[in-house]
Amino acid sequence: MATQYDNGYATLDFNSTVTANSLISMTTTNNRGQACATAGNAIGVLQQDVVAGQAGSVKLFFPSQFARFTGNLVTAADVLYVGATGGASSAGTVALGVARNSGANGDTIEVFITR
């Protein structure tokens, strides 16, 4: 199930210590962020220092969107594309962003638009 978009910010859990103002990308676990690595899909900027196991507020680059998923399975942090039937797909040529949460065919998932 998708989560509520919150005024340009997303609250994510972190598995490791991350410094404020770091670029953030998603991990493959639902609703978990990490410091963005080289060539990563950054979704926004962390607003405060966090330690492992703590939640942090991420100011998103763009408002998140909700999409109907039309593939077999999607995992958090997977790149999503425009699908053939108006939904989001895990394969394609036009990237939308990354999945905030996992899902299956027909599920509504939250998409973080990336830079």
N, C-alpha and C. Protein backbone atom coordinates (compact mmCIF):
# COMPACT_ATOMS: atom_id res chain seq x y z
N MET A 1 0.84 -1.18 0.00
CA MET A 1 0.00 0.00 0.00
C MET A 1 0.88 1.24 0.00
N ALA A 2 0.52 2.20 -0.78
CA ALA A 2 1.27 3.45 -0.87
C ALA A 2 1.06 4.30 0.38
N THR A 3 2.00 5.17 0.64
CA THR A 3 1.91 6.04 1.81
C THR A 3 1.58 7.46 1.40
N GLN A 4 1.14 8.25 2.33
CA GLN A 4 0.72 9.63 2.06
C GLN A 4 1.92 10.52 1.75
N TYR A 5 1.82 11.30 0.68
CA TYR A 5 2.84 12.29 0.34
C TYR A 5 2.68 13.46 1.31
N ASP A 6 3.79 14.03 1.77
CA ASP A 6 3.73 15.00 2.86
C ASP A 6 4.41 16.32 2.53
N ASN A 7 3.79 17.18 1.73
CA ASN A 7 4.22 18.56 1.50
C ASN A 7 5.67 18.74 1.07
N GLY A 8 6.17 17.89 0.20
CA GLY A 8 7.54 18.04 -0.29
C GLY A 8 8.60 17.36 0.55
N TYR A 9 8.19 16.69 1.61
CA TYR A 9 9.12 15.98 2.48
C TYR A 9 8.69 14.52 2.60
N ALA A 10 9.66 13.65 2.81
CA ALA A 10 9.37 12.24 3.09
C ALA A 10 10.16 11.85 4.33
N THR A 11 9.52 11.14 5.25
CA THR A 11 10.20 10.62 6.42
C THR A 11 10.62 9.20 6.12
N LEU A 12 11.93 8.95 6.15
CA LEU A 12 12.48 7.64 5.84
C LEU A 12 13.32 7.15 7.01
N ASP A 13 13.39 5.82 7.17
CA ASP A 13 14.27 5.20 8.15
C ASP A 13 15.65 5.02 7.51
N PHE A 14 16.69 5.01 8.35
CA PHE A 14 18.06 4.87 7.85
C PHE A 14 18.75 3.73 8.58
N ASN A 15 19.53 2.90 7.85
CA ASN A 15 20.28 1.78 8.42
C ASN A 15 21.67 2.18 8.89
N SER A 16 22.11 3.38 8.54
CA SER A 16 23.45 3.82 8.91
C SER A 16 23.44 5.31 9.22
N THR A 17 24.52 5.79 9.79
CA THR A 17 24.65 7.21 10.10
C THR A 17 24.82 8.00 8.80
N VAL A 18 24.03 9.08 8.67
CA VAL A 18 24.11 9.95 7.49
C VAL A 18 24.09 11.39 7.99
N THR A 19 24.92 12.23 7.40
CA THR A 19 25.05 13.63 7.79
C THR A 19 24.00 14.49 7.10
N ALA A 20 23.51 15.50 7.83
CA ALA A 20 22.55 16.45 7.26
C ALA A 20 23.08 17.02 5.95
N ASN A 21 22.17 17.35 5.06
CA ASN A 21 22.45 17.94 3.75
C ASN A 21 23.07 16.96 2.76
N SER A 22 23.06 15.66 3.09
CA SER A 22 23.52 14.64 2.15
C SER A 22 22.43 14.35 1.13
N LEU A 23 22.83 14.05 -0.10
CA LEU A 23 21.88 13.57 -1.10
C LEU A 23 21.45 12.16 -0.71
N ILE A 24 20.16 11.87 -0.86
CA ILE A 24 19.59 10.61 -0.40
C ILE A 24 19.00 9.82 -1.57
N SER A 25 19.20 8.50 -1.54
CA SER A 25 18.54 7.59 -2.47
C SER A 25 17.82 6.53 -1.64
N MET A 26 16.99 5.73 -2.30
CA MET A 26 16.25 4.68 -1.61
C MET A 26 17.10 3.42 -1.51
N THR A 27 16.84 2.59 -0.47
CA THR A 27 17.40 1.25 -0.41
C THR A 27 16.35 0.29 -0.97
N THR A 28 16.66 -0.99 -1.01
CA THR A 28 15.70 -1.97 -1.52
C THR A 28 14.69 -2.40 -0.46
N THR A 29 14.72 -1.77 0.70
CA THR A 29 13.75 -2.02 1.76
C THR A 29 12.76 -0.87 1.78
N ASN A 30 11.46 -1.18 1.88
CA ASN A 30 10.43 -0.14 1.87
C ASN A 30 10.74 0.97 2.86
N ASN A 31 10.58 2.20 2.41
CA ASN A 31 10.67 3.40 3.25
C ASN A 31 12.02 3.58 3.94
N ARG A 32 13.10 3.10 3.33
CA ARG A 32 14.45 3.27 3.90
C ARG A 32 15.32 4.05 2.95
N GLY A 33 16.02 5.05 3.51
CA GLY A 33 16.92 5.88 2.72
C GLY A 33 18.37 5.57 3.04
N GLN A 34 19.26 6.10 2.20
CA GLN A 34 20.70 5.94 2.38
C GLN A 34 21.39 7.11 1.71
N ALA A 35 22.66 7.35 2.09
CA ALA A 35 23.44 8.36 1.39
C ALA A 35 23.60 7.90 -0.05
N CYS A 36 23.35 8.78 -0.98
CA CYS A 36 23.38 8.44 -2.40
C CYS A 36 24.81 8.18 -2.84
N ALA A 37 25.03 7.09 -3.56
CA ALA A 37 26.35 6.74 -4.08
C ALA A 37 26.52 7.32 -5.48
N THR A 38 27.73 7.25 -5.99
CA THR A 38 28.02 7.71 -7.35
C THR A 38 27.06 7.05 -8.32
N ALA A 39 26.46 7.84 -9.20
CA ALA A 39 25.50 7.38 -10.21
C ALA A 39 24.21 6.86 -9.60
N GLY A 40 23.96 7.17 -8.33
CA GLY A 40 22.71 6.76 -7.69
C GLY A 40 21.55 7.63 -8.12
N ASN A 41 20.34 7.22 -7.79
CA ASN A 41 19.12 7.95 -8.12
C ASN A 41 18.70 8.81 -6.93
N ALA A 42 19.28 9.99 -6.80
CA ALA A 42 18.98 10.88 -5.68
C ALA A 42 17.53 11.36 -5.75
N ILE A 43 16.85 11.34 -4.58
CA ILE A 43 15.46 11.80 -4.51
C ILE A 43 15.32 13.12 -3.77
N GLY A 44 16.34 13.48 -2.96
CA GLY A 44 16.25 14.70 -2.18
C GLY A 44 17.43 14.85 -1.25
N VAL A 45 17.29 15.76 -0.26
CA VAL A 45 18.37 16.12 0.65
C VAL A 45 17.92 15.90 2.10
N LEU A 46 18.74 15.20 2.89
CA LEU A 46 18.45 14.95 4.30
C LEU A 46 18.51 16.25 5.08
N GLN A 47 17.54 16.47 5.96
CA GLN A 47 17.43 17.74 6.68
C GLN A 47 18.14 17.76 8.03
N GLN A 48 18.53 16.61 8.58
CA GLN A 48 19.21 16.58 9.87
C GLN A 48 20.11 15.35 9.92
N ASP A 49 21.08 15.35 10.84
CA ASP A 49 21.92 14.17 11.04
C ASP A 49 21.06 13.03 11.56
N VAL A 50 21.33 11.80 11.08
CA VAL A 50 20.65 10.61 11.61
C VAL A 50 21.70 9.56 11.92
N VAL A 51 21.37 8.69 12.87
CA VAL A 51 22.19 7.53 13.19
C VAL A 51 21.42 6.29 12.78
N ALA A 52 22.11 5.16 12.73
CA ALA A 52 21.48 3.90 12.33
C ALA A 52 20.23 3.63 13.15
N GLY A 53 19.15 3.27 12.48
CA GLY A 53 17.90 2.96 13.15
C GLY A 53 16.99 4.15 13.38
N GLN A 54 17.44 5.32 13.01
CA GLN A 54 16.66 6.55 13.22
C GLN A 54 15.96 6.96 11.93
N ALA A 55 14.85 7.68 12.08
CA ALA A 55 14.14 8.25 10.93
C ALA A 55 14.65 9.66 10.68
N GLY A 56 14.61 10.07 9.42
CA GLY A 56 15.03 11.41 9.05
C GLY A 56 14.10 12.00 8.02
N SER A 57 14.06 13.32 7.97
CA SER A 57 13.21 14.03 7.03
C SER A 57 14.02 14.38 5.78
N VAL A 58 13.50 14.00 4.62
CA VAL A 58 14.16 14.25 3.34
C VAL A 58 13.32 15.25 2.55
N LYS A 59 13.93 16.38 2.19
CA LYS A 59 13.25 17.35 1.33
C LYS A 59 13.41 16.85 -0.10
N LEU A 60 12.28 16.50 -0.73
CA LEU A 60 12.28 15.92 -2.06
C LEU A 60 12.57 16.96 -3.13
N PHE A 61 13.25 16.55 -4.20
CA PHE A 61 13.50 17.44 -5.34
C PHE A 61 12.19 17.80 -6.04
N PHE A 62 11.29 16.83 -6.15
CA PHE A 62 10.01 17.01 -6.82
C PHE A 62 8.93 16.32 -5.99
N PRO A 63 7.69 16.77 -6.08
CA PRO A 63 6.62 16.06 -5.38
C PRO A 63 6.56 14.60 -5.85
N SER A 64 6.30 13.69 -4.93
CA SER A 64 6.14 12.29 -5.32
C SER A 64 4.79 12.13 -6.01
N GLN A 65 4.66 11.04 -6.73
CA GLN A 65 3.42 10.73 -7.45
C GLN A 65 3.01 9.31 -7.13
N PHE A 66 1.73 9.03 -7.30
CA PHE A 66 1.24 7.66 -7.14
C PHE A 66 0.94 7.10 -8.51
N ALA A 67 1.29 5.84 -8.74
CA ALA A 67 1.08 5.22 -10.04
C ALA A 67 0.56 3.80 -9.86
N ARG A 68 -0.21 3.36 -10.83
CA ARG A 68 -0.67 1.98 -10.87
C ARG A 68 0.45 1.16 -11.51
N PHE A 69 0.90 0.13 -10.80
CA PHE A 69 2.00 -0.69 -11.31
C PHE A 69 1.44 -1.76 -12.23
N THR A 70 2.07 -1.94 -13.41
CA THR A 70 1.55 -2.89 -14.40
C THR A 70 2.55 -3.99 -14.75
N GLY A 71 3.56 -4.20 -13.93
CA GLY A 71 4.52 -5.28 -14.17
C GLY A 71 4.25 -6.45 -13.24
N ASN A 72 5.19 -7.38 -13.17
CA ASN A 72 5.03 -8.53 -12.29
C ASN A 72 5.31 -8.15 -10.84
N LEU A 73 6.52 -7.68 -10.56
CA LEU A 73 6.91 -7.29 -9.21
C LEU A 73 7.81 -6.07 -9.27
N VAL A 74 7.75 -5.24 -8.25
CA VAL A 74 8.66 -4.12 -8.13
C VAL A 74 9.15 -4.08 -6.68
N THR A 75 10.41 -3.75 -6.50
CA THR A 75 11.03 -3.63 -5.18
C THR A 75 11.33 -2.16 -4.94
N ALA A 76 11.28 -1.75 -3.68
CA ALA A 76 11.67 -0.37 -3.34
C ALA A 76 13.02 -0.07 -3.97
N ALA A 77 13.17 1.14 -4.50
CA ALA A 77 14.38 1.65 -5.15
C ALA A 77 14.51 1.24 -6.61
N ASP A 78 13.62 0.36 -7.11
CA ASP A 78 13.66 0.02 -8.53
C ASP A 78 13.31 1.25 -9.36
N VAL A 79 13.97 1.42 -10.49
CA VAL A 79 13.62 2.49 -11.42
C VAL A 79 12.31 2.09 -12.10
N LEU A 80 11.38 3.02 -12.18
CA LEU A 80 10.09 2.78 -12.83
C LEU A 80 10.01 3.56 -14.13
N TYR A 81 9.32 2.97 -15.10
CA TYR A 81 9.20 3.54 -16.44
C TYR A 81 7.73 3.69 -16.81
N VAL A 82 7.47 4.47 -17.85
CA VAL A 82 6.13 4.58 -18.40
C VAL A 82 5.79 3.24 -19.04
N GLY A 83 4.66 2.64 -18.61
CA GLY A 83 4.24 1.35 -19.15
C GLY A 83 3.33 1.51 -20.36
N ALA A 84 3.05 0.40 -21.03
CA ALA A 84 2.27 0.42 -22.27
C ALA A 84 0.80 0.74 -22.05
N THR A 85 0.28 0.55 -20.87
CA THR A 85 -1.16 0.73 -20.63
C THR A 85 -1.45 1.85 -19.64
N GLY A 86 -0.58 2.85 -19.58
CA GLY A 86 -0.82 3.98 -18.69
C GLY A 86 -0.39 3.78 -17.26
N GLY A 87 0.25 2.69 -16.98
CA GLY A 87 0.74 2.43 -15.64
C GLY A 87 2.25 2.56 -15.59
N ALA A 88 2.82 2.30 -14.43
CA ALA A 88 4.27 2.30 -14.25
C ALA A 88 4.76 0.86 -14.40
N SER A 89 5.92 0.71 -15.01
CA SER A 89 6.48 -0.61 -15.27
C SER A 89 7.93 -0.64 -14.81
N SER A 90 8.44 -1.84 -14.54
CA SER A 90 9.85 -1.97 -14.16
C SER A 90 10.76 -2.11 -15.37
N ALA A 91 10.19 -2.00 -16.58
CA ALA A 91 10.98 -2.04 -17.81
C ALA A 91 10.44 -0.99 -18.78
N GLY A 92 11.31 -0.40 -19.55
CA GLY A 92 10.87 0.59 -20.52
C GLY A 92 12.00 1.52 -20.91
N THR A 93 11.65 2.63 -21.58
CA THR A 93 12.68 3.56 -22.04
C THR A 93 12.56 4.94 -21.40
N VAL A 94 11.36 5.33 -20.95
CA VAL A 94 11.17 6.65 -20.34
C VAL A 94 11.04 6.48 -18.83
N ALA A 95 12.09 6.88 -18.09
CA ALA A 95 12.10 6.70 -16.64
C ALA A 95 11.22 7.74 -15.95
N LEU A 96 10.44 7.28 -14.96
CA LEU A 96 9.62 8.16 -14.12
C LEU A 96 10.35 8.55 -12.85
N GLY A 97 10.99 7.59 -12.21
CA GLY A 97 11.65 7.80 -10.92
C GLY A 97 11.90 6.46 -10.28
N VAL A 98 11.94 6.42 -8.94
CA VAL A 98 12.17 5.17 -8.21
C VAL A 98 10.99 4.88 -7.29
N ALA A 99 10.77 3.60 -7.05
CA ALA A 99 9.68 3.16 -6.18
C ALA A 99 10.03 3.40 -4.72
N ARG A 100 9.06 3.93 -3.97
CA ARG A 100 9.25 4.07 -2.52
C ARG A 100 8.98 2.75 -1.83
N ASN A 101 8.08 1.98 -2.38
CA ASN A 101 7.66 0.73 -1.76
C ASN A 101 7.55 -0.38 -2.79
N SER A 102 7.55 -1.61 -2.31
CA SER A 102 7.41 -2.78 -3.18
C SER A 102 5.96 -2.96 -3.59
N GLY A 103 5.75 -3.69 -4.68
CA GLY A 103 4.38 -3.95 -5.11
C GLY A 103 4.33 -5.00 -6.20
N ALA A 104 3.11 -5.37 -6.56
CA ALA A 104 2.86 -6.35 -7.61
C ALA A 104 1.88 -5.76 -8.61
N ASN A 105 1.60 -6.48 -9.66
CA ASN A 105 0.71 -6.02 -10.72
C ASN A 105 -0.62 -5.52 -10.14
N GLY A 106 -1.00 -4.30 -10.50
CA GLY A 106 -2.26 -3.72 -10.05
C GLY A 106 -2.16 -2.89 -8.78
N ASP A 107 -1.05 -2.99 -8.05
CA ASP A 107 -0.87 -2.20 -6.83
C ASP A 107 -0.63 -0.73 -7.16
N THR A 108 -1.03 0.14 -6.25
CA THR A 108 -0.69 1.55 -6.35
C THR A 108 0.57 1.77 -5.52
N ILE A 109 1.59 2.33 -6.15
CA ILE A 109 2.86 2.55 -5.47
C ILE A 109 3.26 4.01 -5.56
N GLU A 110 4.04 4.46 -4.59
CA GLU A 110 4.52 5.83 -4.60
C GLU A 110 5.84 5.90 -5.37
N VAL A 111 5.96 6.91 -6.23
CA VAL A 111 7.14 7.09 -7.07
C VAL A 111 7.83 8.39 -6.67
N PHE A 112 9.12 8.30 -6.32
CA PHE A 112 9.92 9.49 -6.09
C PHE A 112 10.57 9.87 -7.41
N ILE A 113 10.31 11.08 -7.87
CA ILE A 113 10.91 11.57 -9.10
C ILE A 113 12.38 11.87 -8.81
N THR A 114 13.27 11.40 -9.67
CA THR A 114 14.71 11.55 -9.42
C THR A 114 15.31 12.63 -10.30
N ARG A 115 16.50 13.05 -9.92
CA ARG A 115 17.26 14.03 -10.71
C ARG A 115 18.23 13.32 -11.60
